[in-house]
Amino acid sequence: MTVHIMVGTSGSGKSTLARKLAQTRMDFDWPIFSADDAMMVDGVYRFRPENLGLAHRQCLRGFAGALQNSILFVDNTNSTVMEAAPYIALALAHEHKVVIHVFRVDPIMAHARNAHGVPFHAVQRMAESIDREWPASLPWHWRPENEATISIVEEGKPR
């Protein structure tokens, strides 16, 4: 049983990889949990900052309810370890292996590719946070050298 946690700015390619991996596992579409899903209105993405907390609660609740599945994906920016921590903790509590995919993509390129119109300054701030946090801010007991069930995969081209 494996949980894949995507870490990356908007436009970094994390959603593309999550969809690709979810669809190639044993001819079954494994669930992908994303706070972005709560921002969809009639099939159109409409970001509303006042709904962000609710969106993340719904995402975590859906994830927690699906832990009986053998493969799960979390497709949020997770630009800080604190944002990913609830998913990591739940996955480990349910004895899932955790694969953290960290996307390090040039903010200019990510901004140009992001599908949600996230402003450049926000993409740049996310990239700086990811560089600062991952993996440096992981608690010692969650670091791959101390926890055999956690691995970190660097995705994308280094900046």
C-alpha atoms as a PDB file:
ATOM      1  CA  MET A   1       0.000   0.000   0.000  1.00  0.00           C
ATOM      2  CA  THR A   2       1.465   3.314  -1.090  1.00  0.00           C
ATOM      3  CA  VAL A   3       0.593   6.982  -0.701  1.00  0.00           C
ATOM      4  CA  HIS A   4       2.148   9.351  -3.231  1.00  0.00           C
ATOM      5  CA  ILE A   5       2.371  12.942  -1.966  1.00  0.00           C
ATOM      6  CA  MET A   6       3.054  15.584  -4.595  1.00  0.00           C
ATOM      7  CA  VAL A   7       5.063  18.658  -3.551  1.00  0.00           C
ATOM      8  CA  GLY A   8       5.403  21.486  -6.049  1.00  0.00           C
ATOM      9  CA  THR A   9       4.312  24.909  -7.171  1.00  0.00           C
ATOM     10  CA  SER A  10       1.335  25.482  -9.393  1.00  0.00           C
ATOM     11  CA  GLY A  11       2.492  24.581 -12.896  1.00  0.00           C
ATOM     12  CA  SER A  12       5.326  22.303 -11.739  1.00  0.00           C
ATOM     13  CA  GLY A  13       3.857  19.149 -13.298  1.00  0.00           C
ATOM     14  CA  LYS A  14       2.669  17.440 -10.122  1.00  0.00           C
ATOM     15  CA  SER A  15      -0.952  17.010 -11.283  1.00  0.00           C
ATOM     16  CA  THR A  16       0.199  15.643 -14.636  1.00  0.00           C
ATOM     17  CA  LEU A  17       2.423  13.045 -12.956  1.00  0.00           C
ATOM     18  CA  ALA A  18      -0.267  12.133 -10.397  1.00  0.00           C
ATOM     19  CA  ARG A  19      -2.798  11.510 -13.174  1.00  0.00           C
ATOM     20  CA  LYS A  20      -0.281   9.518 -15.200  1.00  0.00           C
ATOM     21  CA  LEU A  21       0.710   7.321 -12.255  1.00  0.00           C
ATOM     22  CA  ALA A  22      -2.893   6.865 -11.086  1.00  0.00           C
ATOM     23  CA  GLN A  23      -3.993   5.670 -14.512  1.00  0.00           C
ATOM     24  CA  THR A  24      -1.113   3.276 -15.113  1.00  0.00           C
ATOM     25  CA  ARG A  25      -1.517   1.177 -11.993  1.00  0.00           C
ATOM     26  CA  MET A  26      -3.136  -2.158 -12.874  1.00  0.00           C
ATOM     27  CA  ASP A  27      -5.703  -0.643 -15.273  1.00  0.00           C
ATOM     28  CA  PHE A  28      -7.509   1.056 -12.391  1.00  0.00           C
ATOM     29  CA  ASP A  29      -7.844   4.760 -11.735  1.00  0.00           C
ATOM     30  CA  TRP A  30      -6.495   5.162  -8.213  1.00  0.00           C
ATOM     31  CA  PRO A  31      -7.912   8.115  -6.252  1.00  0.00           C
ATOM     32  CA  ILE A  32      -6.237  11.517  -6.390  1.00  0.00           C
ATOM     33  CA  PHE A  33      -7.079  13.937  -3.591  1.00  0.00           C
ATOM     34  CA  SER A  34      -6.714  17.646  -4.289  1.00  0.00           C
ATOM     35  CA  ALA A  35      -8.051  20.738  -2.559  1.00  0.00           C
ATOM     36  CA  ASP A  36      -8.481  22.154  -6.076  1.00  0.00           C
ATOM     37  CA  ASP A  37     -11.464  19.838  -6.550  1.00  0.00           C
ATOM     38  CA  ALA A  38     -13.458  21.930  -4.068  1.00  0.00           C
ATOM     39  CA  MET A  39     -12.748  25.027  -6.179  1.00  0.00           C
ATOM     40  CA  MET A  40     -14.510  23.621  -9.242  1.00  0.00           C
ATOM     41  CA  VAL A  41     -17.846  25.264 -10.089  1.00  0.00           C
ATOM     42  CA  ASP A  42     -19.712  23.796 -13.063  1.00  0.00           C
ATOM     43  CA  GLY A  43     -16.460  22.280 -14.327  1.00  0.00           C
ATOM     44  CA  VAL A  44     -14.542  25.573 -14.095  1.00  0.00           C
ATOM     45  CA  TYR A  45     -11.798  26.278 -11.535  1.00  0.00           C
ATOM     46  CA  ARG A  46     -12.705  29.338  -9.442  1.00  0.00           C
ATOM     47  CA  PHE A  47     -10.230  30.099  -6.676  1.00  0.00           C
ATOM     48  CA  ARG A  48     -11.829  31.738  -3.665  1.00  0.00           C
ATOM     49  CA  PRO A  49      -9.430  32.311  -0.760  1.00  0.00           C
ATOM     50  CA  GLU A  50     -12.277  32.207   1.750  1.00  0.00           C
ATOM     51  CA  ASN A  51     -12.953  28.573   0.734  1.00  0.00           C
ATOM     52  CA  LEU A  52      -9.355  27.388   1.068  1.00  0.00           C
ATOM     53  CA  GLY A  53      -9.704  26.035   4.613  1.00  0.00           C
ATOM     54  CA  LEU A  54     -12.865  24.127   3.716  1.00  0.00           C
ATOM     55  CA  ALA A  55     -11.228  22.794   0.541  1.00  0.00           C
ATOM     56  CA  HIS A  56      -8.285  21.376   2.495  1.00  0.00           C
ATOM     57  CA  ARG A  57     -10.555  19.880   5.174  1.00  0.00           C
ATOM     58  CA  GLN A  58     -12.625  18.144   2.487  1.00  0.00           C
ATOM     59  CA  CYS A  59      -9.466  16.870   0.803  1.00  0.00           C
ATOM     60  CA  LEU A  60      -8.078  15.431   4.053  1.00  0.00           C
ATOM     61  CA  ARG A  61     -11.441  13.904   4.986  1.00  0.00           C
ATOM     62  CA  GLY A  62     -11.708  12.193   1.585  1.00  0.00           C
ATOM     63  CA  PHE A  63      -8.142  10.920   1.880  1.00  0.00           C
ATOM     64  CA  ALA A  64      -8.739   9.559   5.393  1.00  0.00           C
ATOM     65  CA  GLY A  65     -11.853   7.759   4.193  1.00  0.00           C
ATOM     66  CA  ALA A  66      -9.991   6.107   1.321  1.00  0.00           C
ATOM     67  CA  LEU A  67      -7.017   4.678   3.206  1.00  0.00           C
ATOM     68  CA  GLN A  68      -8.292   1.157   2.590  1.00  0.00           C
ATOM     69  CA  ASN A  69      -7.198   1.592  -1.057  1.00  0.00           C
ATOM     70  CA  SER A  70      -3.785   0.245  -1.863  1.00  0.00           C
ATOM     71  CA  ILE A  71      -2.599   3.317  -3.805  1.00  0.00           C
ATOM     72  CA  LEU A  72      -3.539   6.950  -3.088  1.00  0.00           C
ATOM     73  CA  PHE A  73      -2.319  10.291  -4.412  1.00  0.00           C
ATOM     74  CA  VAL A  74      -2.312  13.698  -2.693  1.00  0.00           C
ATOM     75  CA  ASP A  75      -2.039  16.463  -5.264  1.00  0.00           C
ATOM     76  CA  ASN A  76      -1.735  19.722  -3.336  1.00  0.00           C
ATOM     77  CA  THR A  77       1.178  22.164  -3.415  1.00  0.00           C
ATOM     78  CA  ASN A  78       2.349  20.935   0.025  1.00  0.00           C
ATOM     79  CA  SER A  79       4.977  23.655  -0.084  1.00  0.00           C
ATOM     80  CA  THR A  80       5.655  23.196   3.629  1.00  0.00           C
ATOM     81  CA  VAL A  81       6.107  19.989   5.582  1.00  0.00           C
ATOM     82  CA  MET A  82       3.285  21.155   7.864  1.00  0.00           C
ATOM     83  CA  GLU A  83       0.847  21.092   4.921  1.00  0.00           C
ATOM     84  CA  ALA A  84       1.732  17.477   4.099  1.00  0.00           C
ATOM     85  CA  ALA A  85       2.063  16.285   7.713  1.00  0.00           C
ATOM     86  CA  PRO A  86      -1.566  15.151   8.231  1.00  0.00           C
ATOM     87  CA  TYR A  87      -1.375  12.983   5.103  1.00  0.00           C
ATOM     88  CA  ILE A  88       1.996  11.515   6.089  1.00  0.00           C
ATOM     89  CA  ALA A  89       0.810  10.773   9.634  1.00  0.00           C
ATOM     90  CA  LEU A  90      -2.412   9.095   8.476  1.00  0.00           C
ATOM     91  CA  ALA A  91      -0.575   7.060   5.841  1.00  0.00           C
ATOM     92  CA  LEU A  92       2.004   5.815   8.348  1.00  0.00           C
ATOM     93  CA  ALA A  93      -0.687   5.068  10.946  1.00  0.00           C
ATOM     94  CA  HIS A  94      -2.362   2.843   8.346  1.00  0.00           C
ATOM     95  CA  GLU A  95       0.989   1.206   7.483  1.00  0.00           C
ATOM     96  CA  HIS A  96       1.232   2.646   3.983  1.00  0.00           C
ATOM     97  CA  LYS A  97       4.535   3.309   2.293  1.00  0.00           C
ATOM     98  CA  VAL A  98       4.914   7.063   1.591  1.00  0.00           C
ATOM     99  CA  VAL A  99       6.566   8.382  -1.557  1.00  0.00           C
ATOM    100  CA  ILE A 100       7.053  12.153  -1.554  1.00  0.00           C
ATOM    101  CA  HIS A 101       7.553  13.567  -5.057  1.00  0.00           C
ATOM    102  CA  VAL A 102       9.304  16.956  -4.780  1.00  0.00           C
ATOM    103  CA  PHE A 103       9.118  19.073  -7.949  1.00  0.00           C
ATOM    104  CA  ARG A 104      11.797  21.731  -8.265  1.00  0.00           C
ATOM    105  CA  VAL A 105      10.872  23.738 -11.342  1.00  0.00           C
ATOM    106  CA  ASP A 106      11.958  27.222 -12.357  1.00  0.00           C
ATOM    107  CA  PRO A 107       9.208  29.591 -11.101  1.00  0.00           C
ATOM    108  CA  ILE A 108       9.089  31.436 -14.446  1.00  0.00           C
ATOM    109  CA  MET A 109       8.397  28.184 -16.292  1.00  0.00           C
ATOM    110  CA  ALA A 110       5.919  26.998 -13.643  1.00  0.00           C
ATOM    111  CA  HIS A 111       4.067  30.317 -13.767  1.00  0.00           C
ATOM    112  CA  ALA A 112       3.789  30.087 -17.553  1.00  0.00           C
ATOM    113  CA  ARG A 113       2.384  26.538 -17.305  1.00  0.00           C
ATOM    114  CA  ASN A 114       0.045  26.876 -14.318  1.00  0.00           C
ATOM    115  CA  ALA A 115      -3.563  26.252 -15.265  1.00  0.00           C
ATOM    116  CA  HIS A 116      -5.149  28.236 -12.441  1.00  0.00           C
ATOM    117  CA  GLY A 117      -3.782  31.713 -13.095  1.00  0.00           C
ATOM    118  CA  VAL A 118      -1.713  31.797  -9.908  1.00  0.00           C
ATOM    119  CA  PRO A 119       0.276  35.070  -9.866  1.00  0.00           C
ATOM    120  CA  PHE A 120       4.048  34.877 -10.370  1.00  0.00           C
ATOM    121  CA  HIS A 121       4.855  36.204  -6.887  1.00  0.00           C
ATOM    122  CA  ALA A 122       2.805  33.367  -5.348  1.00  0.00           C
ATOM    123  CA  VAL A 123       4.517  30.721  -7.498  1.00  0.00           C
ATOM    124  CA  GLN A 124       7.916  32.166  -6.569  1.00  0.00           C
ATOM    125  CA  ARG A 125       7.004  32.156  -2.859  1.00  0.00           C
ATOM    126  CA  MET A 126       5.928  28.490  -3.109  1.00  0.00           C
ATOM    127  CA  ALA A 127       9.207  27.568  -4.843  1.00  0.00           C
ATOM    128  CA  GLU A 128      11.253  29.301  -2.138  1.00  0.00           C
ATOM    129  CA  SER A 129       9.270  27.521   0.561  1.00  0.00           C
ATOM    130  CA  ILE A 130       9.767  24.126  -1.102  1.00  0.00           C
ATOM    131  CA  ASP A 131      13.519  24.720  -1.410  1.00  0.00           C
ATOM    132  CA  ARG A 132      13.705  25.710   2.263  1.00  0.00           C
ATOM    133  CA  GLU A 133      11.401  22.987   3.648  1.00  0.00           C
ATOM    134  CA  TRP A 134      11.929  19.781   1.670  1.00  0.00           C
ATOM    135  CA  PRO A 135      13.417  17.623   3.101  1.00  0.00           C
ATOM    136  CA  ALA A 136      15.159  19.828   5.713  1.00  0.00           C
ATOM    137  CA  SER A 137      12.050  20.388   7.856  1.00  0.00           C
ATOM    138  CA  LEU A 138      10.885  16.785   8.029  1.00  0.00           C
ATOM    139  CA  PRO A 139      10.851  15.597  11.654  1.00  0.00           C
ATOM    140  CA  TRP A 140      13.818  13.304  12.295  1.00  0.00           C
ATOM    141  CA  HIS A 141      11.592  10.242  12.682  1.00  0.00           C
ATOM    142  CA  TRP A 142      10.070  10.818   9.209  1.00  0.00           C
ATOM    143  CA  ARG A 143      13.372  11.199   7.390  1.00  0.00           C
ATOM    144  CA  PRO A 144      14.057   8.398   4.916  1.00  0.00           C
ATOM    145  CA  GLU A 145      17.214   7.365   6.776  1.00  0.00           C
ATOM    146  CA  ASN A 146      15.146   6.779   9.965  1.00  0.00           C
ATOM    147  CA  GLU A 147      11.797   5.630   8.533  1.00  0.00           C
ATOM    148  CA  ALA A 148      12.065   2.826   6.002  1.00  0.00           C
ATOM    149  CA  THR A 149       8.551   3.409   4.696  1.00  0.00           C
ATOM    150  CA  ILE A 150       9.229   6.998   3.526  1.00  0.00           C
ATOM    151  CA  SER A 151      11.108   7.896   0.373  1.00  0.00           C
ATOM    152  CA  ILE A 152      11.675  11.211  -1.376  1.00  0.00           C
ATOM    153  CA  VAL A 153      11.878  11.416  -5.161  1.00  0.00           C
ATOM    154  CA  GLU A 154      13.192  14.606  -6.755  1.00  0.00           C
ATOM    155  CA  GLU A 155      11.121  15.330  -9.880  1.00  0.00           C
ATOM    156  CA  GLY A 156      11.813  17.851 -12.618  1.00  0.00           C
ATOM    157  CA  LYS A 157      15.063  19.506 -13.506  1.00  0.00           C
ATOM    158  CA  PRO A 158      17.016  21.167 -10.697  1.00  0.00           C
ATOM    159  CA  ARG A 159      16.974  24.958 -10.833  1.00  0.00           C
END
